[in-house]
Amino acid sequence: MIQTYTSSLARRSRTLFAAIIACSVIVGIDGAAAQSSAPLYPPLPIPLNPLSQGNPVPVLGSPHTSARAGGPRFLAPAPVPRPRLETRWSPSSLLSPFAPAAPAATIVGAAAGSCAAQLASLGVVFQRIGSVQGAGRCGIDDAVRVSQIGGARLEPSATINCPTAVAFARFMREQITPAARQHLRAQPQTVHVAASYVCRTRNHQPGARLSEHSFGRAIDVRALTLANGQHWHVAPRNGRGAEGRFQRQVRQAACGPFKTVLGPGSDGFHSDHLHFDLAQRSSTYCR
């Protein structure tokens, strides 16, 4: 009987030992799993009373809550406001992906600037006057005062509109100066201006239509002083000799760049000067 009791006790001990071993294994596995899922750096504990650390956390909606009222309650921090991005859409933004279209005022300024840029590229010394108000219908919208073209000085300075200044400056460079070198053996040093802007009728006749001079669209040239000191002037000529050939060539070349070209032989009012204008007409008038 003693042997039987001993054997039974041994079996129970082994069963109990096996159960203990199994429980240890299960606990170890669960602990390892819990450890593997835990964050590497657990967050710091949030103090129950933030005031105790000298770093109060205000209560949202009650910024003036004090310890006497029970102390500030802990709330989750308010979200950090994101910067507000404003995108203003306008139809002009569709014209270019890089820059918006220029406003109307800028476009007008750019157009006026392009005329001035042409004058500068032609070697013109000028002053922009802007609008010139005259009596009645007289006046200039975009007036300039030209004092020099290339190496030639205008005497006196010519007050005309910008397109007329561009046309005359180009005519000086492309026609008058080369022709003077060819026929007169020197380039112009001074251009003697007979008339530019003046509010008057055609040929100063009472009751006649306003002259193109009244709108700054005309310039009259009566003479040239050349670099060699020679003086040439407009006069009735038969087209012979150096001075006659020069006058005829300049007069013929002007018909095209200008809408009206008048000179000796046209009438009794243009015997001593050449008239060039940009009249608003469909065809040129050259006499």
Protein backbone atom coordinates (compact mmCIF):
# COMPACT_ATOMS: atom_id res chain seq x y z
CA MET A 1 0.00 0.00 0.00
CA ILE A 2 2.81 2.38 0.82
CA GLN A 3 4.33 1.69 -2.60
CA THR A 4 1.05 2.39 -4.33
CA TYR A 5 0.64 5.72 -2.43
CA THR A 6 4.17 6.73 -3.32
CA SER A 7 3.61 5.99 -7.01
CA SER A 8 0.40 8.01 -7.02
CA LEU A 9 2.14 10.97 -5.32
CA ALA A 10 4.95 10.85 -7.84
CA ARG A 11 2.50 10.93 -10.73
CA ARG A 12 0.72 13.91 -9.22
CA SER A 13 4.00 15.73 -8.72
CA ARG A 14 5.00 15.17 -12.31
CA THR A 15 1.60 16.36 -13.52
CA LEU A 16 1.85 19.49 -11.37
CA PHE A 17 5.42 20.20 -12.53
CA ALA A 18 4.35 19.80 -16.17
CA ALA A 19 1.45 22.23 -15.61
CA ILE A 20 3.83 24.77 -14.05
CA ILE A 21 6.22 24.44 -16.99
CA ALA A 22 3.40 24.93 -19.49
CA CYS A 23 2.11 28.02 -17.73
CA SER A 24 5.61 29.50 -17.68
CA VAL A 25 5.98 28.94 -21.41
CA ILE A 26 2.59 30.56 -22.16
CA VAL A 27 3.33 33.53 -19.92
CA GLY A 28 6.72 33.98 -21.57
CA ILE A 29 5.21 33.92 -25.05
CA ASP A 30 2.51 36.46 -24.14
CA GLY A 31 5.08 38.72 -22.50
CA ALA A 32 7.34 38.61 -25.53
CA ALA A 33 4.41 39.42 -27.81
CA ALA A 34 3.37 42.33 -25.60
CA GLN A 35 6.95 43.61 -25.54
CA SER A 36 7.30 43.38 -29.31
CA SER A 37 4.11 45.43 -29.86
CA ALA A 38 5.05 48.15 -27.37
CA PRO A 39 6.56 51.40 -28.80
CA LEU A 40 10.27 51.77 -28.64
CA TYR A 41 9.99 55.11 -26.81
CA PRO A 42 6.75 55.25 -24.85
CA PRO A 43 5.25 58.77 -24.45
CA LEU A 44 5.90 60.63 -21.27
CA PRO A 45 3.04 60.48 -18.75
CA ILE A 46 0.74 63.48 -18.84
CA PRO A 47 0.62 65.21 -15.45
CA LEU A 48 -2.74 65.22 -13.77
CA ASN A 49 -2.14 68.74 -12.55
CA PRO A 50 -0.18 70.70 -15.15
CA LEU A 51 0.23 73.63 -12.78
CA SER A 52 2.41 71.51 -10.50
CA GLN A 53 5.20 71.55 -13.11
CA GLY A 54 5.10 75.31 -13.76
CA ASN A 55 3.68 74.79 -17.23
CA PRO A 56 -0.05 75.53 -17.10
CA VAL A 57 -2.31 74.13 -19.76
CA PRO A 58 -5.17 76.57 -20.37
CA VAL A 59 -8.72 75.38 -20.71
CA LEU A 60 -10.10 75.91 -24.20
CA GLY A 61 -12.84 78.47 -24.14
CA SER A 62 -11.88 79.59 -20.61
CA PRO A 63 -8.45 81.20 -20.86
CA HIS A 64 -8.90 82.97 -17.50
CA THR A 65 -9.76 79.88 -15.40
CA SER A 66 -7.76 79.93 -12.17
CA ALA A 67 -6.89 77.42 -9.43
CA ARG A 68 -9.60 78.91 -7.21
CA ALA A 69 -12.24 77.69 -9.65
CA GLY A 70 -10.92 74.17 -9.38
CA GLY A 71 -7.81 74.69 -11.49
CA PRO A 72 -7.59 74.30 -15.23
CA ARG A 73 -8.89 71.07 -16.62
CA PHE A 74 -6.65 69.11 -18.92
CA LEU A 75 -7.74 69.07 -22.53
CA ALA A 76 -6.08 67.73 -25.60
CA PRO A 77 -3.97 70.45 -27.24
CA ALA A 78 -5.72 72.45 -29.93
CA PRO A 79 -4.71 71.58 -33.49
CA VAL A 80 -2.06 73.82 -34.99
CA PRO A 81 -3.75 76.09 -37.52
CA ARG A 82 -2.55 75.56 -41.06
CA PRO A 83 -1.62 78.54 -43.19
CA ARG A 84 -4.43 79.65 -45.44
CA LEU A 85 -3.52 79.57 -49.08
CA GLU A 86 -5.53 81.99 -51.16
CA THR A 87 -5.74 81.44 -54.89
CA ARG A 88 -7.32 84.29 -56.73
CA TRP A 89 -8.65 83.24 -60.11
CA SER A 90 -9.19 85.64 -62.92
CA PRO A 91 -9.83 85.11 -66.63
CA SER A 92 -6.54 86.86 -67.46
CA SER A 93 -4.62 84.12 -65.64
CA LEU A 94 -5.60 81.70 -68.40
CA LEU A 95 -3.70 83.72 -71.00
CA SER A 96 -0.28 82.72 -69.75
CA PRO A 97 0.78 80.15 -67.16
CA PHE A 98 3.72 82.31 -66.15
CA ALA A 99 2.41 85.84 -65.78
CA PRO A 100 -1.01 87.52 -65.86
CA ALA A 101 -1.95 89.73 -68.74
CA ALA A 102 -0.92 93.36 -68.40
CA PRO A 103 -3.70 95.76 -67.47
CA ALA A 104 -5.00 98.18 -70.07
CA ALA A 105 -3.01 101.10 -68.64
CA THR A 106 0.21 99.14 -68.96
CA ILE A 107 -0.59 98.16 -72.54
CA VAL A 108 -1.18 101.79 -73.49
CA GLY A 109 2.11 102.78 -71.84
CA ALA A 110 3.95 99.99 -73.63
CA ALA A 111 2.58 101.13 -77.01
CA ALA A 112 3.73 104.69 -76.36
CA GLY A 113 7.08 103.40 -75.15
CA SER A 114 7.61 101.41 -78.34
CA CYS A 115 7.42 104.60 -80.41
CA ALA A 116 9.92 106.27 -78.11
CA ALA A 117 12.11 103.17 -78.37
CA GLN A 118 12.08 103.49 -82.17
CA LEU A 119 13.22 107.08 -81.89
CA ALA A 120 16.04 106.08 -79.56
CA SER A 121 17.14 103.30 -81.94
CA LEU A 122 17.29 105.85 -84.77
CA GLY A 123 19.63 108.07 -82.76
CA VAL A 124 17.04 110.76 -82.08
CA VAL A 125 17.49 113.22 -79.23
CA PHE A 126 14.00 114.18 -78.13
CA GLN A 127 11.77 115.15 -75.26
CA ARG A 128 8.38 113.56 -74.69
CA ILE A 129 5.75 116.25 -74.19
CA GLY A 130 2.60 114.16 -74.13
CA SER A 131 -0.65 115.89 -74.95
CA VAL A 132 -0.64 119.36 -76.51
CA GLN A 133 -3.90 121.29 -76.34
CA GLY A 134 -4.62 123.80 -79.07
CA ALA A 135 -7.47 126.05 -80.10
CA GLY A 136 -10.48 124.31 -81.58
CA ARG A 137 -9.49 120.96 -83.09
CA CYS A 138 -5.77 121.73 -82.99
CA GLY A 139 -3.53 119.66 -80.78
CA ILE A 140 -1.28 116.60 -80.53
CA ASP A 141 -1.99 113.40 -78.62
CA ASP A 142 1.55 112.01 -78.37
CA ALA A 143 3.89 114.93 -78.91
CA VAL A 144 7.68 114.93 -78.89
CA ARG A 145 10.19 117.73 -79.29
CA VAL A 146 13.03 116.58 -81.56
CA SER A 147 16.32 118.42 -81.26
CA GLN A 148 18.75 116.06 -83.03
CA ILE A 149 18.69 113.11 -85.43
CA GLY A 150 21.91 111.14 -85.58
CA GLY A 151 24.65 113.74 -85.95
CA ALA A 152 22.33 116.39 -87.39
CA ARG A 153 20.87 119.09 -85.14
CA LEU A 154 17.38 120.47 -85.85
CA GLU A 155 17.22 124.26 -85.79
CA PRO A 156 14.80 125.10 -84.31
CA SER A 157 13.62 121.94 -82.53
CA ALA A 158 10.55 120.35 -84.13
CA THR A 159 7.40 119.67 -82.12
CA ILE A 160 5.52 116.87 -83.88
CA ASN A 161 3.72 113.68 -82.94
CA CYS A 162 5.76 110.56 -82.34
CA PRO A 163 4.87 108.65 -85.57
CA THR A 164 5.84 111.68 -87.67
CA ALA A 165 9.11 111.94 -85.76
CA VAL A 166 9.84 108.26 -86.45
CA ALA A 167 9.04 108.68 -90.16
CA PHE A 168 11.24 111.76 -90.54
CA ALA A 169 14.12 110.27 -88.54
CA ARG A 170 14.06 107.13 -90.69
CA PHE A 171 13.88 109.29 -93.84
CA MET A 172 16.89 111.26 -92.66
CA ARG A 173 18.93 108.11 -92.07
CA GLU A 174 17.88 106.18 -95.17
CA GLN A 175 17.47 108.93 -97.78
CA ILE A 176 18.63 112.47 -96.94
CA THR A 177 22.01 111.60 -95.39
CA PRO A 178 23.10 109.07 -98.09
CA ALA A 179 21.94 111.43 -100.85
CA ALA A 180 23.86 114.34 -99.29
CA ARG A 181 27.01 112.22 -99.15
CA GLN A 182 26.53 111.18 -102.78
CA HIS A 183 25.75 114.54 -104.34
CA LEU A 184 27.03 117.16 -101.87
CA ARG A 185 30.02 115.14 -100.61
CA ALA A 186 29.18 115.68 -96.93
CA GLN A 187 26.56 114.66 -94.43
CA PRO A 188 24.05 117.08 -92.87
CA GLN A 189 25.13 118.81 -89.69
CA THR A 190 22.11 121.07 -89.22
CA VAL A 191 18.55 120.71 -90.50
CA HIS A 192 16.86 124.11 -90.74
CA VAL A 193 13.17 123.60 -89.92
CA ALA A 194 10.70 126.02 -91.52
CA ALA A 195 7.67 124.79 -89.53
CA SER A 196 6.46 121.98 -87.31
CA TYR A 197 3.42 122.23 -85.01
CA VAL A 198 1.34 125.36 -85.48
CA CYS A 199 -2.41 125.79 -85.33
CA ARG A 200 -3.36 127.32 -88.69
CA THR A 201 -5.23 126.71 -91.91
CA ARG A 202 -3.62 125.43 -95.07
CA ASN A 203 -1.23 128.00 -96.52
CA HIS A 204 -2.58 130.46 -93.95
CA GLN A 205 -5.67 131.00 -96.10
CA PRO A 206 -8.83 132.20 -94.30
CA GLY A 207 -11.63 129.67 -94.43
CA ALA A 208 -9.38 126.83 -95.61
CA ARG A 209 -9.15 123.47 -93.93
CA LEU A 210 -6.76 123.02 -91.05
CA SER A 211 -3.20 122.19 -92.04
CA GLU A 212 -1.57 118.94 -90.95
CA HIS A 213 0.75 121.17 -88.95
CA SER A 214 -2.23 121.74 -86.65
CA PHE A 215 -2.11 118.10 -85.55
CA GLY A 216 1.67 117.66 -85.38
CA ARG A 217 1.71 115.46 -88.47
CA ALA A 218 3.87 117.72 -90.68
CA ILE A 219 7.40 119.12 -90.83
CA ASP A 220 8.89 121.61 -93.31
CA VAL A 221 12.60 121.74 -94.21
CA ARG A 222 14.04 124.85 -95.85
CA ALA A 223 17.81 124.21 -95.77
CA LEU A 224 20.76 122.06 -94.66
CA THR A 225 24.14 122.97 -93.30
CA LEU A 226 26.68 120.25 -94.12
CA ALA A 227 29.65 119.01 -92.12
CA ASN A 228 32.07 120.64 -94.59
CA GLY A 229 30.48 124.05 -94.01
CA GLN A 230 28.51 124.05 -97.26
CA HIS A 231 24.97 125.42 -97.12
CA TRP A 232 22.18 123.97 -99.23
CA HIS A 233 18.69 125.48 -99.43
CA VAL A 234 15.42 124.57 -101.14
CA ALA A 235 14.80 126.57 -104.30
CA PRO A 236 13.26 126.10 -107.75
CA ARG A 237 15.79 123.96 -109.62
CA ASN A 238 15.85 122.16 -112.93
CA GLY A 239 17.39 119.02 -111.43
CA ARG A 240 20.83 119.74 -112.86
CA GLY A 241 24.04 120.07 -110.92
CA ALA A 242 24.80 118.47 -107.58
CA GLU A 243 22.33 120.59 -105.61
CA GLY A 244 19.56 120.07 -108.17
CA ARG A 245 20.09 116.28 -108.29
CA PHE A 246 20.11 116.09 -104.50
CA GLN A 247 16.83 118.04 -104.23
CA ARG A 248 15.11 115.95 -106.90
CA GLN A 249 16.23 112.64 -105.34
CA VAL A 250 15.09 113.62 -101.86
CA ARG A 251 11.75 114.84 -103.12
CA GLN A 252 11.05 111.69 -105.11
CA ALA A 253 12.16 109.39 -102.26
CA ALA A 254 9.80 111.15 -99.83
CA CYS A 255 6.74 110.16 -101.86
CA GLY A 256 5.82 106.93 -100.09
CA PRO A 257 7.18 107.31 -96.58
CA PHE A 258 5.00 110.46 -96.36
CA LYS A 259 1.41 110.93 -97.49
CA THR A 260 1.93 114.48 -98.77
CA VAL A 261 5.08 115.93 -100.35
CA LEU A 262 5.11 119.53 -101.58
CA GLY A 263 7.93 121.77 -102.78
CA PRO A 264 8.94 124.28 -105.43
CA GLY A 265 6.51 124.13 -108.34
CA SER A 266 3.60 122.72 -106.31
CA ASP A 267 2.14 126.20 -105.73
CA GLY A 268 3.33 129.60 -104.74
CA PHE A 269 3.45 128.72 -101.05
CA HIS A 270 6.16 126.01 -101.17
CA SER A 271 8.88 127.55 -103.34
CA ASP A 272 11.42 127.78 -100.52
CA HIS A 273 10.85 124.59 -98.49
CA LEU A 274 9.88 120.94 -98.70
CA HIS A 275 6.71 119.91 -96.92
CA PHE A 276 6.38 116.35 -95.52
CA ASP A 277 3.28 115.12 -93.68
CA LEU A 278 1.41 112.00 -92.60
CA ALA A 279 -2.10 113.12 -93.51
CA GLN A 280 -4.84 110.55 -93.00
CA ARG A 281 -5.49 109.84 -96.64
CA SER A 282 -5.84 106.61 -98.65
CA SER A 283 -3.16 107.52 -101.22
CA THR A 284 -0.11 109.75 -101.44
CA TYR A 285 -0.20 113.27 -102.82
CA CYS A 286 3.12 114.36 -104.31
CA ARG A 287 3.51 117.57 -106.36
